[in-house]
Amino acid sequence: MKIWELKSSFDDYESFQLLNLEEDSKKYFEGKIDSAVKASDSWGEIRIKCVEEGNQSDFPHFWGEVGTPMVSGKAKKFLESMLGDNVEFLPLIHDVTEEVYYIINVLNAIDAIDYEKAILKKLRSGLVIDFKKYAFLPNMVKNQTIFKVYLNEILHIPSVFVSDKFRNTVLESDLKGFEFIEVWDSEANM
């Protein structure tokens, strides 16, 4: 079993940001999208703009909130049954084409880090700020498709993790723009 960090490919693909960056970021993202809590009840009509032209992607990079995945309507249709209640898809409207994209708000946050094997990134003061190397508790990630983790009891915002099943399903499809970084292999980390 492997765990993968989900990323957007920058390989000649377009990328987006909020049209009203400061206002919409404060109103819709801060304390919501970065907290693994439902945001659909307070979600508004949010517009985005293309900030880097390129090929159309089903998983374009979103410069709005760190670690927030964004997908095309095609990718949403393809992924929603597999992801179920672990996420909510929140619409974003392209300011020029009116095409609808979706933020994937990952609601599934689990305490799955094996702190005896993980290598933590620390400041000189000893404050833990990130992971140098991930290690997961196999029983906690075994049946997970998509999730976020905690770093010392605080949600680790920048990273979204997916299973082999998610990765393989996407790779076998015609979806474009997804990148998967292997961060853990249960066989190599026993």
N, C-alpha and C. Protein backbone atom coordinates (compact mmCIF):
# COMPACT_ATOMS: atom_id res chain seq x y z
N MET A 1 0.85 -1.18 0.00
CA MET A 1 0.00 0.00 0.00
C MET A 1 0.89 1.24 0.00
N LYS A 2 0.55 2.17 -0.87
CA LYS A 2 1.29 3.43 -0.95
C LYS A 2 0.35 4.60 -0.70
N ILE A 3 0.92 5.67 -0.20
CA ILE A 3 0.18 6.92 -0.02
C ILE A 3 0.86 7.96 -0.91
N TRP A 4 0.03 8.75 -1.57
CA TRP A 4 0.49 9.73 -2.54
C TRP A 4 0.02 11.12 -2.14
N GLU A 5 0.89 12.10 -2.32
CA GLU A 5 0.47 13.49 -2.15
C GLU A 5 -0.08 13.96 -3.49
N LEU A 6 -1.25 14.56 -3.45
CA LEU A 6 -1.95 15.01 -4.65
C LEU A 6 -1.48 16.42 -5.01
N LYS A 7 -1.03 16.59 -6.24
CA LYS A 7 -0.52 17.89 -6.71
C LYS A 7 -1.06 18.19 -8.11
N SER A 8 -1.03 19.46 -8.48
CA SER A 8 -1.34 19.88 -9.84
C SER A 8 -0.06 19.92 -10.65
N SER A 9 -0.14 19.45 -11.87
CA SER A 9 1.02 19.52 -12.76
C SER A 9 1.13 20.93 -13.33
N PHE A 10 2.33 21.45 -13.36
CA PHE A 10 2.58 22.77 -13.96
C PHE A 10 3.03 22.62 -15.41
N ASP A 11 3.01 21.43 -15.93
CA ASP A 11 3.56 21.10 -17.24
C ASP A 11 2.74 21.70 -18.38
N ASP A 12 2.91 23.01 -18.62
CA ASP A 12 2.18 23.74 -19.67
C ASP A 12 0.67 23.77 -19.47
N TYR A 13 0.22 23.72 -18.22
CA TYR A 13 -1.21 23.82 -17.94
C TYR A 13 -1.55 25.19 -17.37
N GLU A 14 -2.79 25.60 -17.57
CA GLU A 14 -3.26 26.87 -17.03
C GLU A 14 -3.37 26.78 -15.51
N SER A 15 -3.36 27.95 -14.86
CA SER A 15 -3.58 28.01 -13.42
C SER A 15 -4.48 29.20 -13.11
N PHE A 16 -5.11 29.16 -11.94
CA PHE A 16 -6.14 30.14 -11.59
C PHE A 16 -5.94 30.72 -10.20
N GLN A 17 -6.59 31.88 -9.99
CA GLN A 17 -6.70 32.45 -8.65
C GLN A 17 -8.05 33.12 -8.54
N LEU A 18 -8.42 33.47 -7.32
CA LEU A 18 -9.67 34.17 -7.09
C LEU A 18 -9.64 35.52 -7.79
N LEU A 19 -10.75 35.90 -8.42
CA LEU A 19 -10.84 37.20 -9.08
C LEU A 19 -10.76 38.31 -8.03
N ASN A 20 -11.51 38.17 -6.96
CA ASN A 20 -11.48 39.12 -5.84
C ASN A 20 -10.68 38.48 -4.71
N LEU A 21 -9.39 38.41 -4.90
CA LEU A 21 -8.52 37.61 -4.04
C LEU A 21 -8.67 37.91 -2.56
N GLU A 22 -8.46 39.14 -2.17
CA GLU A 22 -8.46 39.47 -0.74
C GLU A 22 -9.84 39.27 -0.10
N GLU A 23 -10.86 39.81 -0.74
CA GLU A 23 -12.22 39.75 -0.20
C GLU A 23 -12.73 38.31 -0.11
N ASP A 24 -12.64 37.56 -1.22
CA ASP A 24 -13.16 36.20 -1.23
C ASP A 24 -12.34 35.25 -0.37
N SER A 25 -11.04 35.49 -0.28
CA SER A 25 -10.19 34.66 0.55
C SER A 25 -10.62 34.76 2.02
N LYS A 26 -10.82 35.99 2.48
CA LYS A 26 -11.25 36.20 3.87
C LYS A 26 -12.65 35.65 4.11
N LYS A 27 -13.55 35.90 3.18
CA LYS A 27 -14.95 35.55 3.36
C LYS A 27 -15.23 34.05 3.26
N TYR A 28 -14.56 33.37 2.33
CA TYR A 28 -14.91 31.98 2.05
C TYR A 28 -13.85 30.95 2.40
N PHE A 29 -12.60 31.36 2.54
CA PHE A 29 -11.55 30.37 2.71
C PHE A 29 -10.96 30.31 4.11
N GLU A 30 -10.58 31.45 4.66
CA GLU A 30 -9.91 31.47 5.96
C GLU A 30 -10.78 30.88 7.06
N GLY A 31 -10.24 29.87 7.74
CA GLY A 31 -10.97 29.22 8.83
C GLY A 31 -12.04 28.27 8.37
N LYS A 32 -12.18 28.08 7.06
CA LYS A 32 -13.20 27.16 6.54
C LYS A 32 -12.53 26.06 5.72
N ILE A 33 -12.04 26.43 4.55
CA ILE A 33 -11.44 25.45 3.66
C ILE A 33 -10.19 24.84 4.30
N ASP A 34 -9.50 25.60 5.11
CA ASP A 34 -8.29 25.08 5.75
C ASP A 34 -8.58 24.41 7.09
N SER A 35 -9.85 24.07 7.36
CA SER A 35 -10.21 23.49 8.65
C SER A 35 -10.91 22.14 8.55
N ALA A 36 -11.07 21.60 7.36
CA ALA A 36 -11.74 20.31 7.15
C ALA A 36 -13.17 20.32 7.70
N VAL A 37 -13.86 21.46 7.52
CA VAL A 37 -15.27 21.56 7.92
C VAL A 37 -16.09 21.95 6.69
N LYS A 38 -17.36 21.57 6.71
CA LYS A 38 -18.24 21.89 5.58
C LYS A 38 -18.32 23.40 5.37
N ALA A 39 -18.26 23.80 4.11
CA ALA A 39 -18.34 25.22 3.77
C ALA A 39 -19.49 25.50 2.82
N SER A 40 -20.19 24.47 2.39
CA SER A 40 -21.22 24.63 1.36
C SER A 40 -22.37 25.53 1.81
N ASP A 41 -22.68 25.54 3.09
CA ASP A 41 -23.80 26.36 3.58
C ASP A 41 -23.54 27.86 3.45
N SER A 42 -22.28 28.25 3.48
CA SER A 42 -21.95 29.68 3.40
C SER A 42 -21.24 30.04 2.10
N TRP A 43 -21.20 29.12 1.16
CA TRP A 43 -20.49 29.34 -0.11
C TRP A 43 -21.28 30.29 -0.99
N GLY A 44 -20.61 31.20 -1.67
CA GLY A 44 -21.27 32.16 -2.54
C GLY A 44 -20.91 31.93 -3.99
N GLU A 45 -21.24 32.91 -4.83
CA GLU A 45 -20.84 32.85 -6.24
C GLU A 45 -19.44 33.43 -6.32
N ILE A 46 -18.48 32.56 -6.48
CA ILE A 46 -17.08 32.96 -6.45
C ILE A 46 -16.49 32.83 -7.85
N ARG A 47 -15.87 33.91 -8.28
CA ARG A 47 -15.30 33.95 -9.63
C ARG A 47 -13.79 33.81 -9.56
N ILE A 48 -13.24 33.15 -10.58
CA ILE A 48 -11.80 32.96 -10.68
C ILE A 48 -11.31 33.50 -12.01
N LYS A 49 -10.02 33.78 -12.06
CA LYS A 49 -9.42 34.22 -13.33
C LYS A 49 -8.20 33.36 -13.61
N CYS A 50 -7.93 33.21 -14.89
CA CYS A 50 -6.76 32.47 -15.32
C CYS A 50 -5.55 33.39 -15.16
N VAL A 51 -4.55 32.97 -14.41
CA VAL A 51 -3.36 33.80 -14.20
C VAL A 51 -2.16 33.29 -14.98
N GLU A 52 -2.27 32.08 -15.47
CA GLU A 52 -1.22 31.52 -16.31
C GLU A 52 -1.87 30.70 -17.41
N GLU A 53 -1.72 31.19 -18.64
CA GLU A 53 -2.31 30.50 -19.78
C GLU A 53 -1.57 29.19 -20.04
N GLY A 54 -2.28 28.26 -20.65
CA GLY A 54 -1.67 26.98 -20.99
C GLY A 54 -2.74 26.02 -21.46
N ASN A 55 -2.39 24.76 -21.52
CA ASN A 55 -3.36 23.73 -21.90
C ASN A 55 -4.41 23.60 -20.81
N GLN A 56 -5.61 23.21 -21.22
CA GLN A 56 -6.68 23.03 -20.26
C GLN A 56 -6.39 21.79 -19.41
N SER A 57 -6.62 21.92 -18.12
CA SER A 57 -6.33 20.85 -17.17
C SER A 57 -7.60 20.47 -16.42
N ASP A 58 -7.69 19.20 -16.06
CA ASP A 58 -8.79 18.76 -15.20
C ASP A 58 -8.45 18.96 -13.73
N PHE A 59 -7.19 19.33 -13.47
CA PHE A 59 -6.72 19.57 -12.11
C PHE A 59 -5.77 20.77 -12.12
N PRO A 60 -6.29 21.95 -12.50
CA PRO A 60 -5.42 23.12 -12.61
C PRO A 60 -4.91 23.57 -11.24
N HIS A 61 -3.75 24.21 -11.25
CA HIS A 61 -3.23 24.75 -10.00
C HIS A 61 -4.10 25.93 -9.59
N PHE A 62 -4.44 25.97 -8.30
CA PHE A 62 -5.26 27.04 -7.74
C PHE A 62 -4.41 27.82 -6.75
N TRP A 63 -4.19 29.10 -7.04
CA TRP A 63 -3.36 29.95 -6.20
C TRP A 63 -4.18 30.61 -5.09
N GLY A 64 -5.29 30.04 -4.71
CA GLY A 64 -6.17 30.67 -3.73
C GLY A 64 -5.83 30.37 -2.30
N GLU A 65 -5.78 29.13 -1.95
CA GLU A 65 -5.52 28.70 -0.58
C GLU A 65 -4.57 27.51 -0.66
N VAL A 66 -3.53 27.54 0.11
CA VAL A 66 -2.51 26.49 0.08
C VAL A 66 -3.15 25.12 0.31
N GLY A 67 -2.83 24.18 -0.56
CA GLY A 67 -3.30 22.81 -0.39
C GLY A 67 -4.75 22.57 -0.77
N THR A 68 -5.36 23.50 -1.49
CA THR A 68 -6.75 23.35 -1.90
C THR A 68 -6.82 22.85 -3.34
N PRO A 69 -7.24 21.61 -3.54
CA PRO A 69 -7.34 21.09 -4.91
C PRO A 69 -8.53 21.71 -5.65
N MET A 70 -8.36 21.88 -6.96
CA MET A 70 -9.40 22.42 -7.83
C MET A 70 -9.51 21.50 -9.04
N VAL A 71 -10.75 21.17 -9.42
CA VAL A 71 -10.96 20.26 -10.55
C VAL A 71 -11.96 20.83 -11.55
N SER A 72 -11.90 20.28 -12.75
CA SER A 72 -12.87 20.63 -13.80
C SER A 72 -14.20 19.93 -13.50
N GLY A 73 -15.24 20.34 -14.21
CA GLY A 73 -16.53 19.67 -14.09
C GLY A 73 -16.44 18.20 -14.47
N LYS A 74 -15.64 17.92 -15.49
CA LYS A 74 -15.43 16.53 -15.94
C LYS A 74 -14.80 15.69 -14.83
N ALA A 75 -13.79 16.23 -14.16
CA ALA A 75 -13.12 15.51 -13.07
C ALA A 75 -14.07 15.32 -11.89
N LYS A 76 -14.87 16.33 -11.60
CA LYS A 76 -15.85 16.22 -10.50
C LYS A 76 -16.78 15.05 -10.76
N LYS A 77 -17.35 14.99 -11.96
CA LYS A 77 -18.27 13.89 -12.30
C LYS A 77 -17.59 12.54 -12.14
N PHE A 78 -16.35 12.47 -12.56
CA PHE A 78 -15.60 11.23 -12.52
C PHE A 78 -15.28 10.80 -11.08
N LEU A 79 -14.95 11.76 -10.21
CA LEU A 79 -14.45 11.46 -8.88
C LEU A 79 -15.50 11.41 -7.77
N GLU A 80 -16.63 12.08 -7.95
CA GLU A 80 -17.52 12.27 -6.80
C GLU A 80 -18.05 10.99 -6.19
N SER A 81 -18.35 9.96 -6.97
CA SER A 81 -18.86 8.73 -6.37
C SER A 81 -17.77 8.01 -5.58
N MET A 82 -16.53 8.09 -6.03
CA MET A 82 -15.42 7.44 -5.32
C MET A 82 -15.11 8.17 -4.01
N LEU A 83 -15.23 9.50 -4.01
CA LEU A 83 -14.84 10.28 -2.84
C LEU A 83 -15.95 10.41 -1.81
N GLY A 84 -17.20 10.32 -2.23
CA GLY A 84 -18.33 10.32 -1.32
C GLY A 84 -18.34 11.47 -0.33
N ASP A 85 -18.58 11.13 0.95
CA ASP A 85 -18.69 12.14 2.01
C ASP A 85 -17.35 12.63 2.53
N ASN A 86 -16.26 12.14 1.96
CA ASN A 86 -14.94 12.58 2.41
C ASN A 86 -14.61 13.99 1.94
N VAL A 87 -15.38 14.49 0.98
CA VAL A 87 -15.13 15.82 0.41
C VAL A 87 -16.45 16.51 0.11
N GLU A 88 -16.37 17.79 -0.17
CA GLU A 88 -17.47 18.50 -0.80
C GLU A 88 -16.88 19.29 -1.96
N PHE A 89 -17.64 19.35 -3.04
CA PHE A 89 -17.22 20.09 -4.24
C PHE A 89 -17.90 21.45 -4.21
N LEU A 90 -17.11 22.51 -4.23
CA LEU A 90 -17.63 23.87 -4.14
C LEU A 90 -17.33 24.61 -5.43
N PRO A 91 -18.35 25.18 -6.08
CA PRO A 91 -18.17 25.76 -7.42
C PRO A 91 -17.40 27.07 -7.44
N LEU A 92 -16.63 27.22 -8.51
CA LEU A 92 -15.92 28.46 -8.85
C LEU A 92 -16.22 28.74 -10.32
N ILE A 93 -16.47 29.99 -10.67
CA ILE A 93 -16.86 30.33 -12.04
C ILE A 93 -15.75 31.12 -12.73
N HIS A 94 -15.32 30.63 -13.88
CA HIS A 94 -14.29 31.30 -14.68
C HIS A 94 -14.86 32.64 -15.15
N ASP A 95 -14.16 33.73 -14.91
CA ASP A 95 -14.67 35.07 -15.19
C ASP A 95 -14.86 35.36 -16.68
N VAL A 96 -14.18 34.64 -17.56
CA VAL A 96 -14.28 34.89 -19.00
C VAL A 96 -15.18 33.87 -19.68
N THR A 97 -14.92 32.59 -19.45
CA THR A 97 -15.65 31.53 -20.17
C THR A 97 -16.93 31.10 -19.48
N GLU A 98 -17.11 31.46 -18.21
CA GLU A 98 -18.24 31.04 -17.38
C GLU A 98 -18.20 29.54 -17.07
N GLU A 99 -17.11 28.88 -17.43
CA GLU A 99 -16.96 27.45 -17.12
C GLU A 99 -16.89 27.29 -15.61
N VAL A 100 -17.52 26.23 -15.11
CA VAL A 100 -17.54 25.98 -13.68
C VAL A 100 -16.45 24.96 -13.32
N TYR A 101 -15.60 25.36 -12.38
CA TYR A 101 -14.60 24.48 -11.78
C TYR A 101 -15.05 24.24 -10.34
N TYR A 102 -14.37 23.36 -9.64
CA TYR A 102 -14.76 23.05 -8.27
C TYR A 102 -13.55 22.93 -7.36
N ILE A 103 -13.68 23.53 -6.18
CA ILE A 103 -12.72 23.30 -5.11
C ILE A 103 -13.09 21.95 -4.50
N ILE A 104 -12.10 21.15 -4.20
CA ILE A 104 -12.35 19.93 -3.41
C ILE A 104 -12.02 20.28 -1.96
N ASN A 105 -13.05 20.44 -1.17
CA ASN A 105 -12.87 20.70 0.25
C ASN A 105 -12.78 19.34 0.94
N VAL A 106 -11.58 18.97 1.33
CA VAL A 106 -11.36 17.66 1.95
C VAL A 106 -11.82 17.72 3.41
N LEU A 107 -12.85 16.93 3.72
CA LEU A 107 -13.44 16.91 5.05
C LEU A 107 -12.86 15.80 5.92
N ASN A 108 -12.20 14.85 5.29
CA ASN A 108 -11.66 13.69 5.98
C ASN A 108 -10.26 13.99 6.52
N ALA A 109 -10.19 14.36 7.79
CA ALA A 109 -8.92 14.62 8.46
C ALA A 109 -8.71 13.53 9.50
N ILE A 110 -7.58 12.83 9.40
CA ILE A 110 -7.35 11.69 10.30
C ILE A 110 -6.01 11.83 11.02
N ASP A 111 -5.97 11.26 12.21
CA ASP A 111 -4.75 11.25 13.01
C ASP A 111 -3.98 9.98 12.64
N ALA A 112 -3.23 10.05 11.53
CA ALA A 112 -2.64 8.85 10.94
C ALA A 112 -1.12 8.86 10.88
N ILE A 113 -0.48 9.83 11.47
CA ILE A 113 0.98 9.92 11.40
C ILE A 113 1.62 9.01 12.44
N ASP A 114 2.60 8.24 12.01
CA ASP A 114 3.41 7.42 12.90
C ASP A 114 4.61 8.28 13.31
N TYR A 115 4.50 8.93 14.45
CA TYR A 115 5.53 9.87 14.89
C TYR A 115 6.85 9.19 15.26
N GLU A 116 6.83 7.88 15.47
CA GLU A 116 8.08 7.17 15.76
C GLU A 116 8.93 7.00 14.50
N LYS A 117 8.28 7.03 13.33
CA LYS A 117 9.01 6.83 12.07
C LYS A 117 9.06 8.07 11.18
N ALA A 118 8.13 8.98 11.36
CA ALA A 118 8.12 10.21 10.55
C ALA A 118 9.31 11.08 10.96
N ILE A 119 9.81 11.86 10.00
CA ILE A 119 10.88 12.81 10.30
C ILE A 119 10.28 14.21 10.18
N LEU A 120 10.39 14.95 11.27
CA LEU A 120 9.76 16.27 11.35
C LEU A 120 10.75 17.38 11.03
N LYS A 121 10.23 18.44 10.46
CA LYS A 121 11.03 19.63 10.16
C LYS A 121 10.80 20.61 11.30
N LYS A 122 11.90 21.04 11.93
CA LYS A 122 11.80 21.91 13.10
C LYS A 122 12.62 23.18 12.91
N LEU A 123 12.16 24.23 13.56
CA LEU A 123 12.95 25.46 13.64
C LEU A 123 14.03 25.27 14.71
N ARG A 124 15.00 26.17 14.75
CA ARG A 124 16.05 26.07 15.78
C ARG A 124 15.46 26.08 17.19
N SER A 125 14.33 26.73 17.34
CA SER A 125 13.68 26.79 18.65
C SER A 125 13.06 25.46 19.05
N GLY A 126 12.97 24.52 18.09
CA GLY A 126 12.35 23.23 18.37
C GLY A 126 10.91 23.15 17.90
N LEU A 127 10.36 24.28 17.45
CA LEU A 127 8.98 24.29 16.97
C LEU A 127 8.86 23.45 15.70
N VAL A 128 7.94 22.51 15.72
CA VAL A 128 7.71 21.63 14.57
C VAL A 128 6.85 22.37 13.56
N ILE A 129 7.32 22.46 12.29
CA ILE A 129 6.59 23.22 11.28
C ILE A 129 6.15 22.41 10.07
N ASP A 130 6.71 21.22 9.89
CA ASP A 130 6.37 20.45 8.68
C ASP A 130 6.94 19.04 8.82
N PHE A 131 6.76 18.28 7.76
CA PHE A 131 7.33 16.93 7.69
C PHE A 131 8.47 16.93 6.69
N LYS A 132 9.58 16.28 7.04
CA LYS A 132 10.64 16.01 6.07
C LYS A 132 10.34 14.68 5.39
N LYS A 133 9.81 13.75 6.19
CA LYS A 133 9.47 12.42 5.67
C LYS A 133 8.21 11.95 6.40
N TYR A 134 7.24 11.52 5.61
CA TYR A 134 5.99 11.03 6.19
C TYR A 134 6.11 9.56 6.57
N ALA A 135 5.41 9.19 7.62
CA ALA A 135 5.21 7.79 7.98
C ALA A 135 3.79 7.70 8.52
N PHE A 136 3.06 6.71 8.05
CA PHE A 136 1.65 6.59 8.42
C PHE A 136 1.40 5.33 9.22
N LEU A 137 0.35 5.36 10.02
CA LEU A 137 -0.11 4.18 10.73
C LEU A 137 -0.96 3.37 9.75
N PRO A 138 -0.49 2.18 9.35
CA PRO A 138 -1.19 1.42 8.30
C PRO A 138 -2.67 1.19 8.58
N ASN A 139 -3.02 0.89 9.82
CA ASN A 139 -4.43 0.64 10.14
C ASN A 139 -5.30 1.88 10.00
N MET A 140 -4.70 3.07 10.07
CA MET A 140 -5.46 4.31 9.94
C MET A 140 -5.67 4.73 8.48
N VAL A 141 -4.77 4.34 7.60
CA VAL A 141 -4.88 4.77 6.19
C VAL A 141 -5.38 3.66 5.28
N LYS A 142 -5.53 2.46 5.82
CA LYS A 142 -5.86 1.27 5.03
C LYS A 142 -7.07 1.45 4.11
N ASN A 143 -8.14 2.01 4.58
CA ASN A 143 -9.36 2.13 3.77
C ASN A 143 -9.68 3.57 3.38
N GLN A 144 -8.68 4.42 3.39
CA GLN A 144 -8.89 5.83 3.06
C GLN A 144 -8.63 6.08 1.58
N THR A 145 -9.46 6.92 0.97
CA THR A 145 -9.28 7.28 -0.44
C THR A 145 -8.60 8.63 -0.57
N ILE A 146 -9.07 9.60 0.22
CA ILE A 146 -8.50 10.95 0.21
C ILE A 146 -8.58 11.48 1.64
N PHE A 147 -7.52 12.17 2.08
CA PHE A 147 -7.51 12.64 3.46
C PHE A 147 -6.44 13.71 3.68
N LYS A 148 -6.61 14.40 4.81
CA LYS A 148 -5.59 15.31 5.33
C LYS A 148 -5.17 14.74 6.68
N VAL A 149 -4.02 15.20 7.17
CA VAL A 149 -3.52 14.70 8.44
C VAL A 149 -3.25 15.86 9.40
N TYR A 150 -3.01 15.47 10.64
CA TYR A 150 -2.65 16.43 11.67
C TYR A 150 -1.14 16.41 11.89
N LEU A 151 -0.60 17.57 12.19
CA LEU A 151 0.79 17.70 12.62
C LEU A 151 0.73 18.20 14.05
N ASN A 152 1.01 17.31 14.99
CA ASN A 152 0.91 17.65 16.42
C ASN A 152 -0.43 18.29 16.77
N GLU A 153 -1.49 17.63 16.41
CA GLU A 153 -2.87 18.00 16.74
C GLU A 153 -3.41 19.22 15.99
N ILE A 154 -2.65 19.75 15.04
CA ILE A 154 -3.12 20.86 14.20
C ILE A 154 -3.21 20.35 12.78
N LEU A 155 -4.30 20.68 12.10
CA LEU A 155 -4.48 20.21 10.73
C LEU A 155 -3.34 20.70 9.85
N HIS A 156 -2.70 19.77 9.16
CA HIS A 156 -1.57 20.09 8.27
C HIS A 156 -2.15 20.50 6.93
N ILE A 157 -2.35 21.78 6.73
CA ILE A 157 -3.10 22.34 5.61
C ILE A 157 -2.49 22.08 4.23
N PRO A 158 -1.18 22.21 4.04
CA PRO A 158 -0.67 22.19 2.66
C PRO A 158 -0.83 20.88 1.89
N SER A 159 -1.09 19.77 2.56
CA SER A 159 -1.05 18.49 1.85
C SER A 159 -2.38 17.75 1.85
N VAL A 160 -2.70 17.20 0.67
CA VAL A 160 -3.84 16.30 0.52
C VAL A 160 -3.26 14.97 0.05
N PHE A 161 -3.68 13.89 0.72
CA PHE A 161 -3.15 12.57 0.42
C PHE A 161 -4.22 11.68 -0.19
N VAL A 162 -3.78 10.78 -1.07
CA VAL A 162 -4.70 9.85 -1.72
C VAL A 162 -4.10 8.45 -1.72
N SER A 163 -4.99 7.49 -1.94
CA SER A 163 -4.62 6.08 -1.95
C SER A 163 -4.18 5.62 -3.33
N ASP A 164 -3.68 4.40 -3.37
CA ASP A 164 -3.38 3.76 -4.66
C ASP A 164 -4.63 3.71 -5.54
N LYS A 165 -5.76 3.40 -4.91
CA LYS A 165 -7.01 3.29 -5.67
C LYS A 165 -7.33 4.60 -6.39
N PHE A 166 -7.23 5.71 -5.68
CA PHE A 166 -7.50 7.02 -6.28
C PHE A 166 -6.53 7.27 -7.42
N ARG A 167 -5.25 7.11 -7.14
CA ARG A 167 -4.21 7.37 -8.15
C ARG A 167 -4.41 6.51 -9.39
N ASN A 168 -4.59 5.22 -9.19
CA ASN A 168 -4.73 4.31 -10.32
C ASN A 168 -5.98 4.61 -11.14
N THR A 169 -7.07 4.95 -10.46
CA THR A 169 -8.31 5.29 -11.17
C THR A 169 -8.11 6.52 -12.04
N VAL A 170 -7.43 7.53 -11.51
CA VAL A 170 -7.16 8.75 -12.29
C VAL A 170 -6.21 8.45 -13.45
N LEU A 171 -5.15 7.70 -13.19
CA LEU A 171 -4.17 7.40 -14.24
C LEU A 171 -4.77 6.58 -15.38
N GLU A 172 -5.76 5.74 -15.06
CA GLU A 172 -6.41 4.92 -16.08
C GLU A 172 -7.50 5.68 -16.84
N SER A 173 -7.78 6.89 -16.41
CA SER A 173 -8.81 7.72 -17.07
C SER A 173 -8.14 8.63 -18.09
N ASP A 174 -8.95 9.50 -18.69
CA ASP A 174 -8.39 10.49 -19.62
C ASP A 174 -8.26 11.87 -18.97
N LEU A 175 -8.30 11.92 -17.64
CA LEU A 175 -8.13 13.18 -16.93
C LEU A 175 -6.69 13.65 -17.04
N LYS A 176 -6.53 14.98 -17.16
CA LYS A 176 -5.19 15.57 -17.35
C LYS A 176 -4.86 16.54 -16.22
N GLY A 177 -3.57 16.64 -15.91
CA GLY A 177 -3.10 17.65 -14.98
C GLY A 177 -2.87 17.17 -13.56
N PHE A 178 -3.14 15.91 -13.28
CA PHE A 178 -2.91 15.37 -11.94
C PHE A 178 -1.46 14.93 -11.81
N GLU A 179 -0.90 15.16 -10.65
CA GLU A 179 0.45 14.69 -10.35
C GLU A 179 0.40 14.01 -8.99
N PHE A 180 1.09 12.90 -8.87
CA PHE A 180 1.09 12.13 -7.63
C PHE A 180 2.53 11.95 -7.16
N ILE A 181 2.80 12.38 -5.93
CA ILE A 181 4.13 12.24 -5.34
C ILE A 181 4.05 11.14 -4.28
N GLU A 182 4.82 10.07 -4.48
CA GLU A 182 4.82 9.00 -3.48
C GLU A 182 5.47 9.52 -2.20
N VAL A 183 4.73 9.43 -1.09
CA VAL A 183 5.27 9.89 0.19
C VAL A 183 5.45 8.77 1.20
N TRP A 184 4.86 7.60 0.90
CA TRP A 184 4.97 6.49 1.85
C TRP A 184 4.61 5.19 1.17
N ASP A 185 5.36 4.15 1.51
CA ASP A 185 5.12 2.80 1.00
C ASP A 185 5.14 1.86 2.20
N SER A 186 4.03 1.19 2.47
CA SER A 186 3.95 0.32 3.64
C SER A 186 4.96 -0.82 3.58
N GLU A 187 5.30 -1.27 2.37
CA GLU A 187 6.27 -2.36 2.21
C GLU A 187 7.68 -1.89 2.60
N ALA A 188 8.01 -0.68 2.27
CA ALA A 188 9.36 -0.16 2.53
C ALA A 188 9.51 0.39 3.94
N ASN A 189 8.39 0.59 4.62
CA ASN A 189 8.43 1.25 5.92
C ASN A 189 8.03 0.35 7.08
N MET A 190 8.07 -0.94 6.88
CA MET A 190 7.67 -1.85 7.96
C MET A 190 8.79 -2.02 8.96
